[in-house]
């Protein structure tokens, strides 16, 4: 279990104060490009132990009276039915989810903007659907030569062709279901329209990572590079900041590469660029809230190894290539880390070697590692889960929490009626059986009460797990890695 290394309360106070300050800098109208996840930022909570996954949305709640949300979605993403990998839903459906989520937190969603719109039928259908639900929808169009043809972009035939998004509050947060949705272009288009109308406004960017005031090779920044290795992001020293201020800060390649273009756009829109560097554009205060650098370094190194194992499995399943794995191996070398920092890997491997079957392991909050093996009744992840709960509850390992007689009917239904070839209980089925047993078995109740203590624990499986088991471990907050090996030699795996 991670030691606390991040002051979450201080972060919320500093971050909201910094954004208020930036709003005031631009005459009380700021378009804030919000990168990363506003909800459920589990990467940040893993590498900055103490950071709450909902920190950013809580921070925005402190600005709720000043803020409105604009959600950007790219028309081509609607057309292609692009899917969010973490949620398994399409971007257009995620817009609905985000609207509901913002509203449930007391935040005002003003409108949706469809970017790079070129009369795609799916985008038209999306627009009609949103309008039928009472949402205002605006259209932004592709611009030839974007982002380099600045005379065209910053003209009535460029940004000027886009719909002007009517907003009513000082802070306009532009967010999106995922990367590449055109958030920055939306902000700059709004600036163009505002200045054409004689209205002073500004732009700023909020990205949690990389953390600008940590060293380039700091494990937290390397963990961000590992997380975005598939996007080709690379951390680098901000040369513009160094030249303008004589101070070394960290940014990433895409922002550094685009800054000269952005600067020229600002000059054409506003008469001058208000920023000297990409770092100046940012408002992130996370680096000022680290209270235990050793703790965040240890957590970030764990994240790098987890990302490496995820890439190995993605390569095995055909979702990634060798290049991604090589990038992560290089990042591991830079962080001076290897798989030995995860005791669950060696522990599960020992059990698998002894039994000749898949095995798993969970590292408990105190550092003790509990293992589980494949049996006739349960898969290894189910067995490991039960063994971990027993240990946390102080229950003897030999005690039965779920009687074999209760498991056998479940297996019969799975095989005889639900078409399963595997009679062993998955993690979800095991937890349901445990919950039923808890109504009559006090030991089962005691074990079930320990579920919350698994959150943040490390886990490892010697084989690639089914989506069901992976999902249950994720919902419990277990930080799972898997060996890039299938349980069987079949070509098709569910």
Protein backbone atom coordinates (compact mmCIF):
# COMPACT_ATOMS: atom_id res chain seq x y z
CA UNK A 1 0.00 0.00 0.00
CA UNK A 2 1.35 3.40 -0.98
CA UNK A 3 2.51 5.92 1.62
CA UNK A 4 0.79 9.30 1.31
CA UNK A 5 2.96 11.62 -0.76
CA UNK A 6 0.50 14.26 -1.95
CA UNK A 7 -1.56 16.87 -0.08
CA UNK A 8 -4.95 16.73 -1.78
CA UNK A 9 -6.56 19.54 0.20
CA UNK A 10 -3.70 21.91 -0.53
CA UNK A 11 -3.92 20.99 -4.21
CA UNK A 12 -7.59 21.88 -4.50
CA UNK A 13 -7.06 25.23 -2.77
CA UNK A 14 -3.96 26.17 -4.79
CA UNK A 15 -5.42 25.00 -8.09
CA UNK A 16 -8.69 26.88 -7.80
CA UNK A 17 -6.82 30.00 -6.66
CA UNK A 18 -4.46 29.78 -9.64
CA UNK A 19 -7.35 29.52 -12.08
CA UNK A 20 -9.11 32.50 -10.48
CA UNK A 21 -5.89 34.48 -10.85
CA UNK A 22 -5.68 33.59 -14.55
CA UNK A 23 -9.32 34.57 -15.11
CA UNK A 24 -8.57 38.02 -13.66
CA UNK A 25 -5.51 38.35 -15.91
CA UNK A 26 -7.74 38.33 -19.00
CA UNK A 27 -10.54 40.69 -18.08
CA UNK A 28 -12.77 38.09 -16.46
CA UNK A 29 -13.11 35.72 -19.44
CA UNK A 30 -10.91 32.63 -19.71
CA UNK A 31 -11.13 29.67 -22.06
CA UNK A 32 -9.45 26.80 -20.23
CA UNK A 33 -8.40 23.76 -22.26
CA UNK A 34 -8.78 20.88 -19.83
CA UNK A 35 -6.63 17.89 -20.75
CA UNK A 36 -6.71 14.47 -19.14
CA UNK A 37 -9.55 13.04 -17.12
CA UNK A 38 -11.78 15.29 -15.07
CA UNK A 39 -13.43 12.27 -13.47
CA UNK A 40 -11.76 9.17 -12.08
CA UNK A 41 -8.15 10.19 -12.69
CA UNK A 42 -6.72 6.91 -11.42
CA UNK A 43 -3.34 7.43 -13.08
CA UNK A 44 -2.80 10.56 -10.98
CA UNK A 45 -3.99 8.81 -7.82
CA UNK A 46 -1.58 5.94 -8.44
CA UNK A 47 1.54 8.03 -9.07
CA UNK A 48 0.69 10.76 -6.54
CA UNK A 49 -0.56 8.75 -3.54
CA UNK A 50 -2.95 10.98 -1.67
CA UNK A 51 -4.37 12.50 -4.88
CA UNK A 52 -8.09 11.68 -4.91
CA UNK A 53 -9.37 10.45 -8.31
CA UNK A 54 -12.08 13.13 -8.21
CA UNK A 55 -9.74 15.96 -7.14
CA UNK A 56 -10.10 17.95 -10.33
CA UNK A 57 -13.87 17.86 -10.37
CA UNK A 58 -13.92 18.86 -6.68
CA UNK A 59 -11.65 21.76 -7.51
CA UNK A 60 -14.01 22.86 -10.29
CA UNK A 61 -16.92 22.67 -7.86
CA UNK A 62 -15.24 25.43 -5.88
CA UNK A 63 -15.53 27.54 -9.06
CA UNK A 64 -19.03 26.33 -9.94
CA UNK A 65 -20.59 29.79 -9.84
CA UNK A 66 -18.00 31.06 -12.35
CA UNK A 67 -17.66 28.02 -14.62
CA UNK A 68 -19.47 26.49 -17.53
CA UNK A 69 -18.50 23.41 -19.48
CA UNK A 70 -18.20 23.08 -23.25
CA UNK A 71 -17.70 19.53 -24.52
CA UNK A 72 -15.85 19.11 -27.82
CA UNK A 73 -16.15 15.99 -29.98
CA UNK A 74 -14.57 15.43 -33.38
CA UNK A 75 -17.00 14.59 -36.19
CA UNK A 76 -14.69 11.89 -37.57
CA UNK A 77 -14.65 10.20 -34.15
CA UNK A 78 -18.44 10.08 -34.25
CA UNK A 79 -18.31 8.70 -37.80
CA UNK A 80 -15.79 5.99 -36.86
CA UNK A 81 -17.58 5.03 -33.63
CA UNK A 82 -14.34 5.66 -31.76
CA UNK A 83 -14.30 3.88 -28.40
CA UNK A 84 -12.87 4.94 -25.05
CA UNK A 85 -10.56 2.11 -24.10
CA UNK A 86 -11.08 2.52 -20.36
CA UNK A 87 -14.88 2.54 -20.49
CA UNK A 88 -15.66 0.55 -23.63
CA UNK A 89 -18.19 3.13 -24.88
CA UNK A 90 -18.15 5.30 -28.00
CA UNK A 91 -17.15 8.96 -27.80
CA UNK A 92 -20.64 10.17 -28.71
CA UNK A 93 -22.19 8.11 -25.90
CA UNK A 94 -19.48 9.38 -23.55
CA UNK A 95 -20.63 12.95 -24.23
CA UNK A 96 -23.98 11.99 -22.69
CA UNK A 97 -22.21 10.36 -19.75
CA UNK A 98 -20.07 13.45 -19.19
CA UNK A 99 -23.06 15.79 -19.27
CA UNK A 100 -24.85 13.69 -16.66
CA UNK A 101 -21.69 13.46 -14.54
CA UNK A 102 -21.07 17.23 -14.62
CA UNK A 103 -24.67 18.01 -13.80
CA UNK A 104 -24.65 15.56 -10.88
CA UNK A 105 -21.76 17.58 -9.42
CA UNK A 106 -23.63 20.87 -9.73
CA UNK A 107 -21.65 22.07 -12.77
CA UNK A 108 -23.29 23.83 -15.70
CA UNK A 109 -22.83 22.31 -19.16
CA UNK A 110 -23.50 25.09 -21.63
CA UNK A 111 -23.09 23.39 -24.97
CA UNK A 112 -21.49 20.76 -27.19
CA UNK A 113 -19.29 21.61 -30.19
CA UNK A 114 -18.73 19.21 -33.08
CA UNK A 115 -15.26 19.88 -34.46
CA UNK A 116 -13.93 19.20 -37.98
CA UNK A 117 -17.51 18.97 -39.17
CA UNK A 118 -17.88 18.16 -42.88
CA UNK A 119 -21.53 17.10 -43.12
CA UNK A 120 -20.84 13.57 -41.91
CA UNK A 121 -24.20 11.76 -41.63
CA UNK A 122 -23.34 10.35 -38.20
CA UNK A 123 -22.39 13.83 -36.97
CA UNK A 124 -25.70 15.21 -38.25
CA UNK A 125 -27.57 12.44 -36.43
CA UNK A 126 -25.60 13.19 -33.26
CA UNK A 127 -26.45 16.89 -33.52
CA UNK A 128 -30.14 16.16 -33.93
CA UNK A 129 -30.09 13.79 -30.96
CA UNK A 130 -28.34 16.30 -28.71
CA UNK A 131 -30.72 19.10 -29.72
CA UNK A 132 -33.70 16.84 -29.02
CA UNK A 133 -32.30 16.45 -25.50
CA UNK A 134 -32.21 20.22 -25.06
CA UNK A 135 -28.47 20.77 -25.64
CA UNK A 136 -27.10 23.60 -27.76
CA UNK A 137 -24.80 22.24 -30.47
CA UNK A 138 -22.27 24.30 -32.44
CA UNK A 139 -20.26 23.36 -35.53
CA UNK A 140 -16.57 23.99 -36.21
CA UNK A 141 -15.11 23.20 -39.59
CA UNK A 142 -11.84 21.82 -40.99
CA UNK A 143 -9.36 24.52 -42.05
CA UNK A 144 -6.96 23.79 -44.89
CA UNK A 145 -3.33 23.85 -43.81
CA UNK A 146 -4.13 23.75 -40.09
CA UNK A 147 -2.20 24.56 -37.93
CA UNK A 148 0.51 26.17 -40.10
CA UNK A 149 -1.47 28.33 -42.55
CA UNK A 150 -1.91 31.13 -40.01
CA UNK A 151 -3.18 33.84 -42.43
CA UNK A 152 -6.07 31.55 -43.41
CA UNK A 153 -6.68 30.12 -39.94
CA UNK A 154 -6.93 33.52 -38.26
CA UNK A 155 -9.36 35.00 -40.76
CA UNK A 156 -13.06 35.09 -41.55
CA UNK A 157 -12.52 32.05 -43.80
CA UNK A 158 -10.82 30.12 -41.01
CA UNK A 159 -11.89 30.55 -37.40
CA UNK A 160 -14.42 33.09 -38.64
CA UNK A 161 -16.45 30.34 -40.37
CA UNK A 162 -16.89 28.46 -37.10
CA UNK A 163 -20.02 28.97 -35.03
CA UNK A 164 -19.41 31.34 -32.13
CA UNK A 165 -20.25 29.46 -28.94
CA UNK A 166 -22.46 31.61 -26.74
CA UNK A 167 -21.18 31.46 -23.15
CA UNK A 168 -22.30 33.33 -20.06
CA UNK A 169 -19.69 32.72 -17.36
CA UNK A 170 -16.12 33.96 -16.74
CA UNK A 171 -14.53 30.48 -16.89
CA UNK A 172 -15.26 28.29 -19.90
CA UNK A 173 -13.83 24.81 -19.43
CA UNK A 174 -13.37 23.05 -22.76
CA UNK A 175 -13.12 19.31 -22.30
CA UNK A 176 -13.68 16.21 -24.44
CA UNK A 177 -14.18 12.44 -24.33
CA UNK A 178 -10.57 11.87 -25.35
CA UNK A 179 -7.47 13.23 -27.10
CA UNK A 180 -7.59 14.69 -30.60
CA UNK A 181 -11.04 16.19 -30.14
CA UNK A 182 -9.96 19.76 -31.00
CA UNK A 183 -10.15 21.42 -27.59
CA UNK A 184 -7.35 23.89 -28.25
CA UNK A 185 -8.79 24.89 -31.64
CA UNK A 186 -12.15 25.53 -29.98
CA UNK A 187 -10.51 27.85 -27.44
CA UNK A 188 -8.57 29.78 -30.10
CA UNK A 189 -11.62 30.04 -32.33
CA UNK A 190 -13.52 31.58 -29.41
CA UNK A 191 -10.69 34.06 -28.83
CA UNK A 192 -10.84 35.09 -32.47
CA UNK A 193 -14.59 35.71 -32.30
CA UNK A 194 -14.29 37.51 -28.95
CA UNK A 195 -11.66 39.93 -30.20
CA UNK A 196 -13.63 40.56 -33.39
CA UNK A 197 -16.47 41.62 -31.07
CA UNK A 198 -14.17 43.81 -28.99
CA UNK A 199 -14.37 41.46 -25.99
CA UNK A 200 -11.17 40.78 -24.05
CA UNK A 201 -10.61 37.09 -23.30
CA UNK A 202 -7.76 34.69 -22.63
CA UNK A 203 -6.65 31.11 -23.02
CA UNK A 204 -4.90 28.75 -20.61
CA UNK A 205 -4.20 25.05 -20.48
CA UNK A 206 -4.65 22.61 -17.64
CA UNK A 207 -2.72 19.35 -17.90
CA UNK A 208 -1.71 17.41 -14.80
CA UNK A 209 1.26 15.75 -16.51
CA UNK A 210 4.09 16.13 -17.12
CA UNK A 211 4.60 18.15 -13.93
CA UNK A 212 6.46 21.25 -15.05
CA UNK A 213 8.40 21.88 -11.82
CA UNK A 214 9.70 18.32 -11.36
CA UNK A 215 12.94 17.17 -13.06
CA UNK A 216 12.74 15.73 -16.55
CA UNK A 217 13.78 12.25 -15.38
CA UNK A 218 11.66 12.30 -12.23
CA UNK A 219 9.75 8.99 -11.93
CA UNK A 220 6.39 10.80 -11.93
CA UNK A 221 7.18 12.42 -15.28
CA UNK A 222 8.58 9.15 -16.63
CA UNK A 223 5.36 7.42 -15.55
CA UNK A 224 3.41 9.95 -17.63
CA UNK A 225 5.65 9.16 -20.60
CA UNK A 226 4.95 5.46 -20.03
CA UNK A 227 1.21 6.12 -19.91
CA UNK A 228 1.27 8.00 -23.24
CA UNK A 229 3.92 5.93 -25.01
CA UNK A 230 1.34 4.78 -27.56
CA UNK A 231 0.67 8.44 -28.48
CA UNK A 232 4.35 9.17 -29.06
CA UNK A 233 4.53 11.78 -26.29
CA UNK A 234 8.02 12.57 -25.04
CA UNK A 235 8.89 14.78 -22.07
CA UNK A 236 11.41 17.51 -22.77
CA UNK A 237 12.87 20.68 -21.32
CA UNK A 238 10.82 23.69 -22.44
CA UNK A 239 13.38 25.64 -24.52
CA UNK A 240 11.15 28.71 -24.80
CA UNK A 241 10.80 28.96 -21.02
CA UNK A 242 14.53 28.54 -20.54
CA UNK A 243 15.27 31.29 -23.07
CA UNK A 244 12.65 33.71 -21.72
CA UNK A 245 13.01 33.18 -17.98
CA UNK A 246 16.33 31.38 -17.49
CA UNK A 247 14.51 28.60 -15.62
CA UNK A 248 14.34 24.90 -16.44
CA UNK A 249 10.83 23.46 -16.69
CA UNK A 250 9.37 20.31 -18.21
CA UNK A 251 6.77 20.10 -20.94
CA UNK A 252 6.10 17.59 -23.70
CA UNK A 253 6.96 17.47 -27.35
CA UNK A 254 3.59 18.33 -28.87
CA UNK A 255 3.15 21.53 -26.86
CA UNK A 256 6.74 22.61 -27.50
CA UNK A 257 6.45 21.91 -31.23
CA UNK A 258 3.17 23.81 -31.62
CA UNK A 259 4.10 26.82 -29.48
CA UNK A 260 5.61 28.99 -32.28
CA UNK A 261 2.39 28.49 -34.23
CA UNK A 262 0.26 29.31 -31.19
CA UNK A 263 2.34 32.39 -30.46
CA UNK A 264 1.83 33.65 -34.01
CA UNK A 265 -1.92 33.01 -33.74
CA UNK A 266 -2.12 34.94 -30.48
CA UNK A 267 -0.28 37.86 -32.05
CA UNK A 268 -2.67 37.92 -34.98
CA UNK A 269 -5.76 37.62 -32.76
CA UNK A 270 -4.75 39.72 -29.74
CA UNK A 271 -1.95 41.89 -31.11
CA UNK A 272 0.61 40.17 -28.91
CA UNK A 273 1.19 36.75 -27.35
CA UNK A 274 0.54 36.84 -23.59
CA UNK A 275 2.87 33.90 -23.01
CA UNK A 276 6.60 33.42 -23.48
CA UNK A 277 6.52 29.61 -23.36
CA UNK A 278 4.23 26.55 -23.33
CA UNK A 279 4.84 26.31 -19.57
CA UNK A 280 3.53 29.85 -19.12
CA UNK A 281 0.21 28.74 -20.67
CA UNK A 282 -0.34 26.10 -18.01
CA UNK A 283 -2.03 26.49 -14.64
CA UNK A 284 -1.19 23.13 -13.05
CA UNK A 285 -0.16 23.29 -9.38
CA UNK A 286 0.22 19.56 -8.65
CA UNK A 287 4.00 19.76 -8.28
CA UNK A 288 3.61 22.24 -5.41
CA UNK A 289 1.57 19.74 -3.39
CA UNK A 290 4.00 16.80 -3.20
CA UNK A 291 4.80 16.33 0.49
CA UNK A 292 6.87 13.12 0.30
CA UNK A 293 9.01 12.81 -2.81
CA UNK A 294 10.24 9.34 -1.88
CA UNK A 295 6.65 8.08 -1.66
CA UNK A 296 5.62 9.48 -5.05
CA UNK A 297 8.82 8.16 -6.66
CA UNK A 298 8.11 4.65 -5.36
CA UNK A 299 4.50 4.82 -6.57
CA UNK A 300 5.54 6.11 -9.99
CA UNK A 301 8.10 3.33 -10.45
CA UNK A 302 5.37 0.78 -9.76
CA UNK A 303 3.20 2.46 -12.39
CA UNK A 304 5.97 2.25 -14.98
CA UNK A 305 6.30 -1.50 -14.45
CA UNK A 306 2.52 -1.91 -14.62
CA UNK A 307 2.44 -0.03 -17.93
CA UNK A 308 5.21 -2.28 -19.23
CA UNK A 309 3.26 -5.43 -18.43
CA UNK A 310 0.13 -3.94 -19.98
CA UNK A 311 2.10 -3.32 -23.19
CA UNK A 312 3.41 -6.90 -23.16
CA UNK A 313 -0.15 -8.21 -22.92
CA UNK A 314 -1.38 -5.80 -25.60
CA UNK A 315 1.36 -7.03 -27.91
CA UNK A 316 0.35 -10.63 -27.21
CA UNK A 317 -3.29 -9.88 -28.00
CA UNK A 318 -2.41 -7.93 -31.17
CA UNK A 319 -3.31 -4.50 -29.82
CA UNK A 320 0.27 -3.18 -29.73
CA UNK A 321 3.56 -3.73 -31.50
CA UNK A 322 7.20 -4.24 -30.57
CA UNK A 323 7.90 -0.50 -30.74
CA UNK A 324 5.63 0.24 -27.78
CA UNK A 325 7.30 -2.47 -25.69
CA UNK A 326 10.77 -1.15 -26.61
CA UNK A 327 9.75 2.39 -25.59
CA UNK A 328 8.60 1.15 -22.20
CA UNK A 329 11.76 -0.89 -21.70
CA UNK A 330 13.74 2.29 -22.31
CA UNK A 331 11.61 4.21 -19.80
CA UNK A 332 12.20 1.44 -17.25
CA UNK A 333 15.95 1.80 -17.79
CA UNK A 334 15.69 5.57 -17.32
CA UNK A 335 13.74 5.05 -14.09
CA UNK A 336 16.26 2.37 -12.98
CA UNK A 337 13.48 -0.09 -12.29
CA UNK A 338 12.59 -3.69 -13.15
CA UNK A 339 9.96 -6.31 -12.31
CA UNK A 340 11.65 -7.20 -9.02
CA UNK A 341 9.92 -4.24 -7.32
CA UNK A 342 6.65 -6.20 -7.62
CA UNK A 343 6.89 -9.15 -5.19
CA UNK A 344 3.57 -10.49 -6.52
CA UNK A 345 5.27 -11.44 -9.80
CA UNK A 346 7.80 -13.82 -8.26
CA UNK A 347 5.28 -15.20 -5.75
CA UNK A 348 2.68 -16.11 -8.36
CA UNK A 349 5.38 -17.60 -10.62
CA UNK A 350 6.51 -19.94 -7.82
CA UNK A 351 2.98 -21.28 -7.32
CA UNK A 352 2.47 -21.71 -11.06
CA UNK A 353 5.72 -23.66 -11.32
CA UNK A 354 4.80 -25.88 -8.36
CA UNK A 355 1.29 -26.67 -9.63
CA UNK A 356 1.74 -26.52 -13.39
CA UNK A 357 -1.38 -24.32 -13.59
CA UNK A 358 -2.16 -20.59 -13.60
CA UNK A 359 -1.61 -18.81 -10.29
CA UNK A 360 -2.04 -15.31 -8.89
CA UNK A 361 -0.86 -13.20 -5.97
CA UNK A 362 -2.00 -10.12 -4.02
CA UNK A 363 0.23 -7.95 -1.85
CA UNK A 364 -1.73 -6.90 1.25
CA UNK A 365 -1.50 -3.44 2.86
CA UNK A 366 1.15 -4.57 5.35
CA UNK A 367 3.38 -5.98 2.61
CA UNK A 368 2.48 -9.65 3.05
CA UNK A 369 1.94 -11.51 -0.24
CA UNK A 370 -0.96 -13.98 -0.51
CA UNK A 371 -1.16 -16.44 -3.40
CA UNK A 372 -3.83 -18.61 -4.96
CA UNK A 373 -3.82 -21.56 -7.33
CA UNK A 374 -6.19 -23.01 -9.91
CA UNK A 375 -8.53 -25.67 -8.51
CA UNK A 376 -11.46 -27.70 -9.80
CA UNK A 377 -13.84 -25.22 -8.19
CA UNK A 378 -12.17 -21.84 -8.77
CA UNK A 379 -9.81 -20.01 -11.04
CA UNK A 380 -6.58 -18.71 -9.54
CA UNK A 381 -7.81 -15.11 -9.29
CA UNK A 382 -10.91 -16.21 -7.36
CA UNK A 383 -8.84 -18.37 -5.02
CA UNK A 384 -6.36 -15.55 -4.45
CA UNK A 385 -9.16 -13.11 -3.72
CA UNK A 386 -10.65 -15.42 -1.08
CA UNK A 387 -7.24 -16.14 0.46
CA UNK A 388 -6.52 -12.40 0.70
CA UNK A 389 -9.88 -11.73 2.38
CA UNK A 390 -9.27 -14.58 4.83
CA UNK A 391 -5.88 -13.19 5.74
CA UNK A 392 -7.20 -9.68 6.23
CA UNK A 393 -10.03 -11.01 8.41
CA UNK A 394 -7.71 -13.23 10.48
CA UNK A 395 -9.48 -16.40 9.33
CA UNK A 396 -7.62 -19.70 9.18
CA UNK A 397 -6.55 -20.59 5.62
CA UNK A 398 -8.24 -24.01 5.84
CA UNK A 399 -11.66 -22.61 6.72
CA UNK A 400 -14.35 -22.88 4.03
CA UNK A 401 -16.11 -19.59 3.42
CA UNK A 402 -18.19 -21.04 0.60
CA UNK A 403 -19.10 -24.71 0.84
CA UNK A 404 -18.31 -26.95 -2.16
CA UNK A 405 -22.00 -27.93 -2.15
CA UNK A 406 -22.92 -24.30 -2.84
CA UNK A 407 -20.41 -24.02 -5.69
CA UNK A 408 -21.42 -27.15 -7.58
CA UNK A 409 -24.93 -25.89 -8.60
CA UNK A 410 -23.37 -22.70 -9.92
CA UNK A 411 -20.96 -24.76 -12.01
CA UNK A 412 -23.82 -26.89 -13.29
CA UNK A 413 -25.79 -23.85 -14.45
CA UNK A 414 -22.70 -22.40 -16.16
CA UNK A 415 -21.90 -25.56 -18.12
CA UNK A 416 -25.32 -27.08 -18.70
CA UNK A 417 -27.37 -23.96 -19.35
CA UNK A 418 -25.11 -20.98 -20.08
CA UNK A 419 -22.78 -22.66 -22.57
CA UNK A 420 -19.55 -22.20 -20.61
CA UNK A 421 -16.67 -24.61 -21.18
CA UNK A 422 -15.02 -23.54 -17.94
CA UNK A 423 -16.85 -24.69 -14.80
CA UNK A 424 -14.52 -22.85 -12.42
CA UNK A 425 -15.91 -19.75 -10.73
CA UNK A 426 -14.77 -16.34 -11.96
CA UNK A 427 -14.13 -13.56 -9.47
CA UNK A 428 -17.63 -12.04 -9.82
CA UNK A 429 -19.31 -15.40 -9.27
CA UNK A 430 -17.10 -16.07 -6.26
CA UNK A 431 -17.99 -12.73 -4.67
CA UNK A 432 -21.70 -13.32 -5.22
CA UNK A 433 -21.40 -16.80 -3.67
CA UNK A 434 -19.47 -15.29 -0.76
CA UNK A 435 -22.15 -12.64 -0.25
CA UNK A 436 -24.87 -15.30 -0.17
CA UNK A 437 -22.84 -17.39 2.28
CA UNK A 438 -22.39 -14.32 4.50
CA UNK A 439 -26.10 -14.42 5.39
CA UNK A 440 -25.59 -17.67 7.33
CA UNK A 441 -21.82 -17.95 7.83
CA UNK A 442 -20.26 -15.36 10.19
CA UNK A 443 -16.77 -16.09 8.82
CA UNK A 444 -17.94 -15.31 5.28
CA UNK A 445 -19.44 -12.06 6.56
CA UNK A 446 -16.16 -11.18 8.26
CA UNK A 447 -14.24 -11.83 5.04
CA UNK A 448 -16.70 -9.85 2.92
CA UNK A 449 -16.24 -6.85 5.21
CA UNK A 450 -12.56 -6.70 4.20
CA UNK A 451 -13.20 -5.90 0.51
CA UNK A 452 -12.51 -2.18 0.92
CA UNK A 453 -9.03 -2.93 2.28
CA UNK A 454 -8.00 -4.40 -1.08
CA UNK A 455 -8.13 -0.99 -2.77
CA UNK A 456 -4.64 0.06 -3.81
CA UNK A 457 -3.12 -3.41 -3.35
CA UNK A 458 -0.83 -4.85 -6.04
CA UNK A 459 -1.84 -8.06 -7.84
CA UNK A 460 -0.39 -10.30 -10.53
CA UNK A 461 -1.59 -13.24 -12.62
CA UNK A 462 0.62 -15.71 -14.47
CA UNK A 463 -1.82 -15.67 -17.42
CA UNK A 464 -3.89 -13.11 -19.29
CA UNK A 465 -7.23 -12.95 -17.49
CA UNK A 466 -10.74 -12.88 -18.86
CA UNK A 467 -12.38 -9.45 -19.11
CA UNK A 468 -14.64 -10.48 -16.22
CA UNK A 469 -11.77 -11.14 -13.80
CA UNK A 470 -9.82 -8.11 -15.00
CA UNK A 471 -12.91 -5.95 -14.51
CA UNK A 472 -13.65 -7.21 -11.00
CA UNK A 473 -10.06 -6.67 -9.87
CA UNK A 474 -10.21 -3.17 -11.32
CA UNK A 475 -13.51 -2.33 -9.59
CA UNK A 476 -12.04 -3.49 -6.29
CA UNK A 477 -9.12 -1.11 -6.82
CA UNK A 478 -6.52 -3.85 -7.17
CA UNK A 479 -3.56 -2.84 -9.35
CA UNK A 480 -3.27 -5.82 -11.61
CA UNK A 481 -0.56 -6.97 -13.98
CA UNK A 482 -0.52 -10.18 -16.03
CA UNK A 483 2.08 -12.26 -17.79
CA UNK A 484 1.64 -12.07 -21.59
CA UNK A 485 0.56 -15.72 -21.77
CA UNK A 486 -2.77 -17.37 -22.43
CA UNK A 487 -4.02 -20.21 -20.25
CA UNK A 488 -4.53 -22.44 -23.29
CA UNK A 489 -2.97 -22.84 -26.71
CA UNK A 490 -6.23 -22.09 -28.54
CA UNK A 491 -6.23 -19.45 -31.26
CA UNK A 492 -9.51 -17.91 -30.13
CA UNK A 493 -9.78 -16.50 -26.63
CA UNK A 494 -12.95 -14.98 -25.21
